[in-house]
Amino acid sequence: MAETRDFHYEADTTHPLSSEVVTAIAKAHDEDVLDQKWRISDDINTDALDGLFQDHQLDTTLQFEADTVTVTIRADRDGNPSIKIESHR
């Protein structure tokens, strides 16, 4: 069984959230974003993800499985999202 490792990433609100998720997964795996074999669009509708958090929704949580990770996105009471990556590699 693979070891589980948690990684926390504070999203830059000036970038699309989908891009920040890709960056967070790459950092969690010590990979370069452009060298990843996984593509977010294989698992997630990026427009829907970006739209869900676009208006800085307050106290929102979204969790999904992608690549070899569980991604949890939480928007705080000010609507700023943070990303938690639970790596299963």
PDB file of N, CA and C in Angstrom:
ATOM      1  N   MET A   1       0.844  -1.176   0.000  1.00  0.00           N
ATOM      2  CA  MET A   1       0.000   0.000   0.000  1.00  0.00           C
ATOM      3  C   MET A   1       0.891   1.241   0.000  1.00  0.00           C
ATOM      4  N   ALA A   2       0.520   2.219  -0.798  1.00  0.00           N
ATOM      5  CA  ALA A   2       1.305   3.449  -0.919  1.00  0.00           C
ATOM      6  C   ALA A   2       1.162   4.298   0.338  1.00  0.00           C
ATOM      7  N   GLU A   3       2.206   5.032   0.641  1.00  0.00           N
ATOM      8  CA  GLU A   3       2.187   5.936   1.781  1.00  0.00           C
ATOM      9  C   GLU A   3       1.363   7.171   1.425  1.00  0.00           C
ATOM     10  N   THR A   4       0.570   7.649   2.364  1.00  0.00           N
ATOM     11  CA  THR A   4      -0.219   8.858   2.157  1.00  0.00           C
ATOM     12  C   THR A   4       0.532  10.037   2.757  1.00  0.00           C
ATOM     13  N   ARG A   5       0.568  11.128   1.984  1.00  0.00           N
ATOM     14  CA  ARG A   5       1.295  12.324   2.402  1.00  0.00           C
ATOM     15  C   ARG A   5       0.418  13.530   2.130  1.00  0.00           C
ATOM     16  N   ASP A   6       0.321  14.456   3.078  1.00  0.00           N
ATOM     17  CA  ASP A   6      -0.483  15.665   2.910  1.00  0.00           C
ATOM     18  C   ASP A   6       0.394  16.843   2.523  1.00  0.00           C
ATOM     19  N   PHE A   7      -0.154  17.696   1.661  1.00  0.00           N
ATOM     20  CA  PHE A   7       0.530  18.893   1.201  1.00  0.00           C
ATOM     21  C   PHE A   7      -0.495  20.017   1.171  1.00  0.00           C
ATOM     22  N   HIS A   8      -0.169  21.158   1.730  1.00  0.00           N
ATOM     23  CA  HIS A   8      -1.082  22.311   1.737  1.00  0.00           C
ATOM     24  C   HIS A   8      -0.525  23.412   0.837  1.00  0.00           C
ATOM     25  N   TYR A   9      -1.421  24.037   0.093  1.00  0.00           N
ATOM     26  CA  TYR A   9      -1.029  25.056  -0.878  1.00  0.00           C
ATOM     27  C   TYR A   9      -2.024  26.205  -0.803  1.00  0.00           C
ATOM     28  N   GLU A  10      -1.533  27.401  -0.597  1.00  0.00           N
ATOM     29  CA  GLU A  10      -2.398  28.583  -0.598  1.00  0.00           C
ATOM     30  C   GLU A  10      -2.525  29.076  -2.041  1.00  0.00           C
ATOM     31  N   ALA A  11      -3.720  29.032  -2.559  1.00  0.00           N
ATOM     32  CA  ALA A  11      -3.957  29.411  -3.948  1.00  0.00           C
ATOM     33  C   ALA A  11      -3.781  30.906  -4.148  1.00  0.00           C
ATOM     34  N   ASP A  12      -3.185  31.253  -5.276  1.00  0.00           N
ATOM     35  CA  ASP A  12      -3.054  32.649  -5.698  1.00  0.00           C
ATOM     36  C   ASP A  12      -4.372  33.021  -6.368  1.00  0.00           C
ATOM     37  N   THR A  13      -5.115  33.924  -5.767  1.00  0.00           N
ATOM     38  CA  THR A  13      -6.451  34.255  -6.279  1.00  0.00           C
ATOM     39  C   THR A  13      -6.425  35.035  -7.580  1.00  0.00           C
ATOM     40  N   THR A  14      -5.230  35.417  -8.059  1.00  0.00           N
ATOM     41  CA  THR A  14      -5.157  36.099  -9.355  1.00  0.00           C
ATOM     42  C   THR A  14      -5.050  35.100 -10.506  1.00  0.00           C
ATOM     43  N   HIS A  15      -4.898  33.812 -10.189  1.00  0.00           N
ATOM     44  CA  HIS A  15      -4.829  32.760 -11.208  1.00  0.00           C
ATOM     45  C   HIS A  15      -6.082  31.895 -11.143  1.00  0.00           C
ATOM     46  N   PRO A  16      -6.461  31.281 -12.271  1.00  0.00           N
ATOM     47  CA  PRO A  16      -7.617  30.365 -12.231  1.00  0.00           C
ATOM     48  C   PRO A  16      -7.357  29.240 -11.225  1.00  0.00           C
ATOM     49  N   LEU A  17      -8.387  28.862 -10.501  1.00  0.00           N
ATOM     50  CA  LEU A  17      -8.240  27.831  -9.483  1.00  0.00           C
ATOM     51  C   LEU A  17      -7.771  26.510 -10.089  1.00  0.00           C
ATOM     52  N   SER A  18      -8.230  26.188 -11.282  1.00  0.00           N
ATOM     53  CA  SER A  18      -7.800  24.943 -11.924  1.00  0.00           C
ATOM     54  C   SER A  18      -6.285  24.931 -12.140  1.00  0.00           C
ATOM     55  N   SER A  19      -5.710  26.052 -12.498  1.00  0.00           N
ATOM     56  CA  SER A  19      -4.254  26.147 -12.656  1.00  0.00           C
ATOM     57  C   SER A  19      -3.549  25.975 -11.323  1.00  0.00           C
ATOM     58  N   GLU A  20      -4.139  26.521 -10.285  1.00  0.00           N
ATOM     59  CA  GLU A  20      -3.551  26.401  -8.955  1.00  0.00           C
ATOM     60  C   GLU A  20      -3.604  24.952  -8.458  1.00  0.00           C
ATOM     61  N   VAL A  21      -4.656  24.224  -8.806  1.00  0.00           N
ATOM     62  CA  VAL A  21      -4.743  22.802  -8.436  1.00  0.00           C
ATOM     63  C   VAL A  21      -3.637  22.018  -9.131  1.00  0.00           C
ATOM     64  N   VAL A  22      -3.432  22.282 -10.407  1.00  0.00           N
ATOM     65  CA  VAL A  22      -2.354  21.613 -11.156  1.00  0.00           C
ATOM     66  C   VAL A  22      -1.000  21.912 -10.512  1.00  0.00           C
ATOM     67  N   THR A  23      -0.783  23.160 -10.152  1.00  0.00           N
ATOM     68  CA  THR A  23       0.469  23.551  -9.504  1.00  0.00           C
ATOM     69  C   THR A  23       0.630  22.849  -8.158  1.00  0.00           C
ATOM     70  N   ALA A  24      -0.438  22.802  -7.376  1.00  0.00           N
ATOM     71  CA  ALA A  24      -0.378  22.162  -6.059  1.00  0.00           C
ATOM     72  C   ALA A  24      -0.049  20.678  -6.177  1.00  0.00           C
ATOM     73  N   ILE A  25      -0.652  19.988  -7.142  1.00  0.00           N
ATOM     74  CA  ILE A  25      -0.371  18.560  -7.331  1.00  0.00           C
ATOM     75  C   ILE A  25       1.079  18.355  -7.759  1.00  0.00           C
ATOM     76  N   ALA A  26       1.563  19.190  -8.656  1.00  0.00           N
ATOM     77  CA  ALA A  26       2.963  19.083  -9.090  1.00  0.00           C
ATOM     78  C   ALA A  26       3.909  19.294  -7.907  1.00  0.00           C
ATOM     79  N   LYS A  27       3.649  20.310  -7.102  1.00  0.00           N
ATOM     80  CA  LYS A  27       4.512  20.584  -5.950  1.00  0.00           C
ATOM     81  C   LYS A  27       4.451  19.447  -4.929  1.00  0.00           C
ATOM     82  N   ALA A  28       3.273  18.889  -4.734  1.00  0.00           N
ATOM     83  CA  ALA A  28       3.128  17.784  -3.788  1.00  0.00           C
ATOM     84  C   ALA A  28       3.947  16.566  -4.214  1.00  0.00           C
ATOM     85  N   HIS A  29       4.135  16.410  -5.516  1.00  0.00           N
ATOM     86  CA  HIS A  29       4.891  15.277  -6.049  1.00  0.00           C
ATOM     87  C   HIS A  29       6.316  15.657  -6.442  1.00  0.00           C
ATOM     88  N   ASP A  30       6.743  16.857  -6.070  1.00  0.00           N
ATOM     89  CA  ASP A  30       8.087  17.345  -6.417  1.00  0.00           C
ATOM     90  C   ASP A  30       8.346  17.246  -7.920  1.00  0.00           C
ATOM     91  N   GLU A  31       7.348  17.643  -8.702  1.00  0.00           N
ATOM     92  CA  GLU A  31       7.449  17.619 -10.164  1.00  0.00           C
ATOM     93  C   GLU A  31       7.296  19.029 -10.714  1.00  0.00           C
ATOM     94  N   ASP A  32       7.809  19.236 -11.901  1.00  0.00           N
ATOM     95  CA  ASP A  32       7.580  20.476 -12.623  1.00  0.00           C
ATOM     96  C   ASP A  32       6.177  20.402 -13.233  1.00  0.00           C
ATOM     97  N   VAL A  33       5.467  21.492 -13.199  1.00  0.00           N
ATOM     98  CA  VAL A  33       4.096  21.527 -13.724  1.00  0.00           C
ATOM     99  C   VAL A  33       4.047  21.032 -15.168  1.00  0.00           C
ATOM    100  N   LEU A  34       4.980  21.465 -15.990  1.00  0.00           N
ATOM    101  CA  LEU A  34       4.955  21.106 -17.411  1.00  0.00           C
ATOM    102  C   LEU A  34       5.398  19.668 -17.675  1.00  0.00           C
ATOM    103  N   ASP A  35       6.056  19.041 -16.712  1.00  0.00           N
ATOM    104  CA  ASP A  35       6.526  17.670 -16.901  1.00  0.00           C
ATOM    105  C   ASP A  35       5.536  16.614 -16.411  1.00  0.00           C
ATOM    106  N   GLN A  36       4.437  17.039 -15.794  1.00  0.00           N
ATOM    107  CA  GLN A  36       3.445  16.073 -15.308  1.00  0.00           C
ATOM    108  C   GLN A  36       2.813  15.321 -16.474  1.00  0.00           C
ATOM    109  N   LYS A  37       2.573  14.047 -16.293  1.00  0.00           N
ATOM    110  CA  LYS A  37       1.876  13.258 -17.316  1.00  0.00           C
ATOM    111  C   LYS A  37       0.359  13.433 -17.181  1.00  0.00           C
ATOM    112  N   TRP A  38      -0.099  13.700 -15.955  1.00  0.00           N
ATOM    113  CA  TRP A  38      -1.523  13.886 -15.695  1.00  0.00           C
ATOM    114  C   TRP A  38      -1.978  15.260 -16.175  1.00  0.00           C
ATOM    115  N   ARG A  39      -3.163  15.306 -16.737  1.00  0.00           N
ATOM    116  CA  ARG A  39      -3.779  16.561 -17.176  1.00  0.00           C
ATOM    117  C   ARG A  39      -5.097  16.719 -16.428  1.00  0.00           C
ATOM    118  N   ILE A  40      -5.311  17.863 -15.843  1.00  0.00           N
ATOM    119  CA  ILE A  40      -6.507  18.092 -15.038  1.00  0.00           C
ATOM    120  C   ILE A  40      -7.786  17.832 -15.828  1.00  0.00           C
ATOM    121  N   SER A  41      -7.775  18.157 -17.108  1.00  0.00           N
ATOM    122  CA  SER A  41      -8.981  17.985 -17.925  1.00  0.00           C
ATOM    123  C   SER A  41      -9.350  16.516 -18.115  1.00  0.00           C
ATOM    124  N   ASP A  42      -8.447  15.586 -17.769  1.00  0.00           N
ATOM    125  CA  ASP A  42      -8.782  14.163 -17.819  1.00  0.00           C
ATOM    126  C   ASP A  42      -9.786  13.791 -16.738  1.00  0.00           C
ATOM    127  N   ASP A  43      -9.818  14.553 -15.638  1.00  0.00           N
ATOM    128  CA  ASP A  43     -10.649  14.213 -14.491  1.00  0.00           C
ATOM    129  C   ASP A  43     -11.668  15.277 -14.099  1.00  0.00           C
ATOM    130  N   ILE A  44     -11.410  16.523 -14.438  1.00  0.00           N
ATOM    131  CA  ILE A  44     -12.210  17.632 -13.915  1.00  0.00           C
ATOM    132  C   ILE A  44     -12.596  18.587 -15.036  1.00  0.00           C
ATOM    133  N   ASN A  45     -13.824  19.101 -14.963  1.00  0.00           N
ATOM    134  CA  ASN A  45     -14.252  20.173 -15.855  1.00  0.00           C
ATOM    135  C   ASN A  45     -13.683  21.468 -15.278  1.00  0.00           C
ATOM    136  N   THR A  46     -12.639  21.980 -15.909  1.00  0.00           N
ATOM    137  CA  THR A  46     -11.937  23.143 -15.361  1.00  0.00           C
ATOM    138  C   THR A  46     -12.811  24.400 -15.329  1.00  0.00           C
ATOM    139  N   ASP A  47     -13.671  24.562 -16.315  1.00  0.00           N
ATOM    140  CA  ASP A  47     -14.557  25.736 -16.308  1.00  0.00           C
ATOM    141  C   ASP A  47     -15.500  25.695 -15.105  1.00  0.00           C
ATOM    142  N   ALA A  48     -16.018  24.511 -14.802  1.00  0.00           N
ATOM    143  CA  ALA A  48     -16.917  24.371 -13.649  1.00  0.00           C
ATOM    144  C   ALA A  48     -16.159  24.625 -12.346  1.00  0.00           C
ATOM    145  N   LEU A  49     -14.941  24.101 -12.241  1.00  0.00           N
ATOM    146  CA  LEU A  49     -14.132  24.319 -11.040  1.00  0.00           C
ATOM    147  C   LEU A  49     -13.836  25.799 -10.855  1.00  0.00           C
ATOM    148  N   ASP A  50     -13.384  26.455 -11.907  1.00  0.00           N
ATOM    149  CA  ASP A  50     -13.080  27.883 -11.822  1.00  0.00           C
ATOM    150  C   ASP A  50     -14.331  28.684 -11.483  1.00  0.00           C
ATOM    151  N   GLY A  51     -15.457  28.325 -12.072  1.00  0.00           N
ATOM    152  CA  GLY A  51     -16.702  29.043 -11.840  1.00  0.00           C
ATOM    153  C   GLY A  51     -17.223  28.898 -10.427  1.00  0.00           C
ATOM    154  N   LEU A  52     -17.012  27.716  -9.846  1.00  0.00           N
ATOM    155  CA  LEU A  52     -17.515  27.469  -8.499  1.00  0.00           C
ATOM    156  C   LEU A  52     -16.885  28.413  -7.491  1.00  0.00           C
ATOM    157  N   PHE A  53     -15.612  28.694  -7.651  1.00  0.00           N
ATOM    158  CA  PHE A  53     -14.906  29.541  -6.697  1.00  0.00           C
ATOM    159  C   PHE A  53     -14.662  30.957  -7.235  1.00  0.00           C
ATOM    160  N   GLN A  54     -15.155  31.242  -8.419  1.00  0.00           N
ATOM    161  CA  GLN A  54     -14.898  32.519  -9.092  1.00  0.00           C
ATOM    162  C   GLN A  54     -15.370  33.720  -8.293  1.00  0.00           C
ATOM    163  N   ASP A  55     -16.519  33.607  -7.673  1.00  0.00           N
ATOM    164  CA  ASP A  55     -17.070  34.746  -6.936  1.00  0.00           C
ATOM    165  C   ASP A  55     -16.675  34.726  -5.469  1.00  0.00           C
ATOM    166  N   HIS A  56     -15.565  34.045  -5.174  1.00  0.00           N
ATOM    167  CA  HIS A  56     -15.064  33.943  -3.800  1.00  0.00           C
ATOM    168  C   HIS A  56     -16.171  33.493  -2.858  1.00  0.00           C
ATOM    169  N   GLN A  57     -16.765  32.338  -3.191  1.00  0.00           N
ATOM    170  CA  GLN A  57     -17.819  31.763  -2.359  1.00  0.00           C
ATOM    171  C   GLN A  57     -17.293  31.547  -0.941  1.00  0.00           C
ATOM    172  N   LEU A  58     -18.073  31.908   0.023  1.00  0.00           N
ATOM    173  CA  LEU A  58     -17.663  31.822   1.410  1.00  0.00           C
ATOM    174  C   LEU A  58     -17.923  30.435   1.976  1.00  0.00           C
ATOM    175  N   ASP A  59     -17.002  29.964   2.787  1.00  0.00           N
ATOM    176  CA  ASP A  59     -17.140  28.692   3.491  1.00  0.00           C
ATOM    177  C   ASP A  59     -17.558  27.541   2.571  1.00  0.00           C
ATOM    178  N   THR A  60     -16.900  27.414   1.435  1.00  0.00           N
ATOM    179  CA  THR A  60     -17.182  26.365   0.466  1.00  0.00           C
ATOM    180  C   THR A  60     -16.087  25.313   0.538  1.00  0.00           C
ATOM    181  N   THR A  61     -16.475  24.037   0.449  1.00  0.00           N
ATOM    182  CA  THR A  61     -15.508  22.942   0.411  1.00  0.00           C
ATOM    183  C   THR A  61     -15.845  22.035  -0.755  1.00  0.00           C
ATOM    184  N   LEU A  62     -14.820  21.650  -1.495  1.00  0.00           N
ATOM    185  CA  LEU A  62     -14.968  20.720  -2.618  1.00  0.00           C
ATOM    186  C   LEU A  62     -13.865  19.685  -2.493  1.00  0.00           C
ATOM    187  N   GLN A  63     -14.227  18.409  -2.676  1.00  0.00           N
ATOM    188  CA  GLN A  63     -13.226  17.342  -2.626  1.00  0.00           C
ATOM    189  C   GLN A  63     -13.428  16.428  -3.824  1.00  0.00           C
ATOM    190  N   PHE A  64     -12.300  16.046  -4.463  1.00  0.00           N
ATOM    191  CA  PHE A  64     -12.368  15.116  -5.584  1.00  0.00           C
ATOM    192  C   PHE A  64     -11.083  14.316  -5.689  1.00  0.00           C
ATOM    193  N   GLU A  65     -11.164  13.194  -6.393  1.00  0.00           N
ATOM    194  CA  GLU A  65     -10.015  12.331  -6.650  1.00  0.00           C
ATOM    195  C   GLU A  65      -9.494  12.649  -8.048  1.00  0.00           C
ATOM    196  N   ALA A  66      -8.171  12.755  -8.167  1.00  0.00           N
ATOM    197  CA  ALA A  66      -7.550  13.009  -9.467  1.00  0.00           C
ATOM    198  C   ALA A  66      -6.110  12.533  -9.397  1.00  0.00           C
ATOM    199  N   ASP A  67      -5.579  12.069 -10.536  1.00  0.00           N
ATOM    200  CA  ASP A  67      -4.220  11.551 -10.577  1.00  0.00           C
ATOM    201  C   ASP A  67      -4.111  10.505  -9.472  1.00  0.00           C
ATOM    202  N   THR A  68      -3.196  10.617  -8.586  1.00  0.00           N
ATOM    203  CA  THR A  68      -3.067   9.695  -7.444  1.00  0.00           C
ATOM    204  C   THR A  68      -3.256  10.469  -6.149  1.00  0.00           C
ATOM    205  N   VAL A  69      -4.186  11.420  -6.162  1.00  0.00           N
ATOM    206  CA  VAL A  69      -4.384  12.296  -5.010  1.00  0.00           C
ATOM    207  C   VAL A  69      -5.866  12.493  -4.700  1.00  0.00           C
ATOM    208  N   THR A  70      -6.100  12.922  -3.474  1.00  0.00           N
ATOM    209  CA  THR A  70      -7.394  13.466  -3.088  1.00  0.00           C
ATOM    210  C   THR A  70      -7.167  14.961  -2.916  1.00  0.00           C
ATOM    211  N   VAL A  71      -7.940  15.752  -3.637  1.00  0.00           N
ATOM    212  CA  VAL A  71      -7.827  17.211  -3.584  1.00  0.00           C
ATOM    213  C   VAL A  71      -8.993  17.746  -2.759  1.00  0.00           C
ATOM    214  N   THR A  72      -8.675  18.555  -1.775  1.00  0.00           N
ATOM    215  CA  THR A  72      -9.708  19.230  -0.993  1.00  0.00           C
ATOM    216  C   THR A  72      -9.449  20.727  -1.096  1.00  0.00           C
ATOM    217  N   ILE A  73     -10.450  21.444  -1.574  1.00  0.00           N
ATOM    218  CA  ILE A  73     -10.354  22.897  -1.701  1.00  0.00           C
ATOM    219  C   ILE A  73     -11.341  23.496  -0.710  1.00  0.00           C
ATOM    220  N   ARG A  74     -10.825  24.387   0.114  1.00  0.00           N
ATOM    221  CA  ARG A  74     -11.680  25.061   1.091  1.00  0.00           C
ATOM    222  C   ARG A  74     -11.536  26.559   0.911  1.00  0.00           C
ATOM    223  N   ALA A  75     -12.672  27.227   0.823  1.00  0.00           N
ATOM    224  CA  ALA A  75     -12.666  28.686   0.806  1.00  0.00           C
ATOM    225  C   ALA A  75     -12.987  29.140   2.224  1.00  0.00           C
ATOM    226  N   ASP A  76     -12.159  30.026   2.752  1.00  0.00           N
ATOM    227  CA  ASP A  76     -12.394  30.520   4.109  1.00  0.00           C
ATOM    228  C   ASP A  76     -13.566  31.495   4.125  1.00  0.00           C
ATOM    229  N   ARG A  77     -13.823  32.074   5.263  1.00  0.00           N
ATOM    230  CA  ARG A  77     -14.991  32.963   5.353  1.00  0.00           C
ATOM    231  C   ARG A  77     -14.844  34.228   4.533  1.00  0.00           C
ATOM    232  N   ASP A  78     -13.607  34.530   4.080  1.00  0.00           N
ATOM    233  CA  ASP A  78     -13.392  35.654   3.171  1.00  0.00           C
ATOM    234  C   ASP A  78     -13.430  35.210   1.716  1.00  0.00           C
ATOM    235  N   GLY A  79     -13.599  33.894   1.486  1.00  0.00           N
ATOM    236  CA  GLY A  79     -13.684  33.364   0.128  1.00  0.00           C
ATOM    237  C   GLY A  79     -12.350  33.003  -0.491  1.00  0.00           C
ATOM    238  N   ASN A  80     -11.260  33.054   0.275  1.00  0.00           N
ATOM    239  CA  ASN A  80      -9.938  32.724  -0.259  1.00  0.00           C
ATOM    240  C   ASN A  80      -9.709  31.215  -0.193  1.00  0.00           C
ATOM    241  N   PRO A  81      -9.433  30.580  -1.327  1.00  0.00           N
ATOM    242  CA  PRO A  81      -9.289  29.129  -1.322  1.00  0.00           C
ATOM    243  C   PRO A  81      -7.891  28.662  -0.902  1.00  0.00           C
ATOM    244  N   SER A  82      -7.862  27.552  -0.177  1.00  0.00           N
ATOM    245  CA  SER A  82      -6.613  26.854   0.089  1.00  0.00           C
ATOM    246  C   SER A  82      -6.802  25.425  -0.410  1.00  0.00           C
ATOM    247  N   ILE A  83      -5.722  24.813  -0.836  1.00  0.00           N
ATOM    248  CA  ILE A  83      -5.787  23.503  -1.460  1.00  0.00           C
ATOM    249  C   ILE A  83      -4.990  22.523  -0.615  1.00  0.00           C
ATOM    250  N   LYS A  84      -5.612  21.401  -0.304  1.00  0.00           N
ATOM    251  CA  LYS A  84      -4.922  20.324   0.400  1.00  0.00           C
ATOM    252  C   LYS A  84      -4.824  19.148  -0.573  1.00  0.00           C
ATOM    253  N   ILE A  85      -3.630  18.639  -0.725  1.00  0.00           N
ATOM    254  CA  ILE A  85      -3.385  17.488  -1.572  1.00  0.00           C
ATOM    255  C   ILE A  85      -3.011  16.326  -0.667  1.00  0.00           C
ATOM    256  N   GLU A  86      -3.758  15.249  -0.767  1.00  0.00           N
ATOM    257  CA  GLU A  86      -3.430  14.018  -0.048  1.00  0.00           C
ATOM    258  C   GLU A  86      -2.903  13.049  -1.110  1.00  0.00           C
ATOM    259  N   SER A  87      -1.601  12.892  -1.146  1.00  0.00           N
ATOM    260  CA  SER A  87      -0.960  12.072  -2.171  1.00  0.00           C
ATOM    261  C   SER A  87      -0.974  10.606  -1.766  1.00  0.00           C
ATOM    262  N   HIS A  88      -1.327   9.745  -2.715  1.00  0.00           N
ATOM    263  CA  HIS A  88      -1.392   8.305  -2.466  1.00  0.00           C
ATOM    264  C   HIS A  88      -0.279   7.572  -3.219  1.00  0.00           C
ATOM    265  N   ARG A  89       0.761   8.273  -3.593  1.00  0.00           N
ATOM    266  CA  ARG A  89       1.886   7.634  -4.293  1.00  0.00           C
ATOM    267  C   ARG A  89       2.803   6.967  -3.319  1.00  0.00           C
TER     268      ARG A  89
END
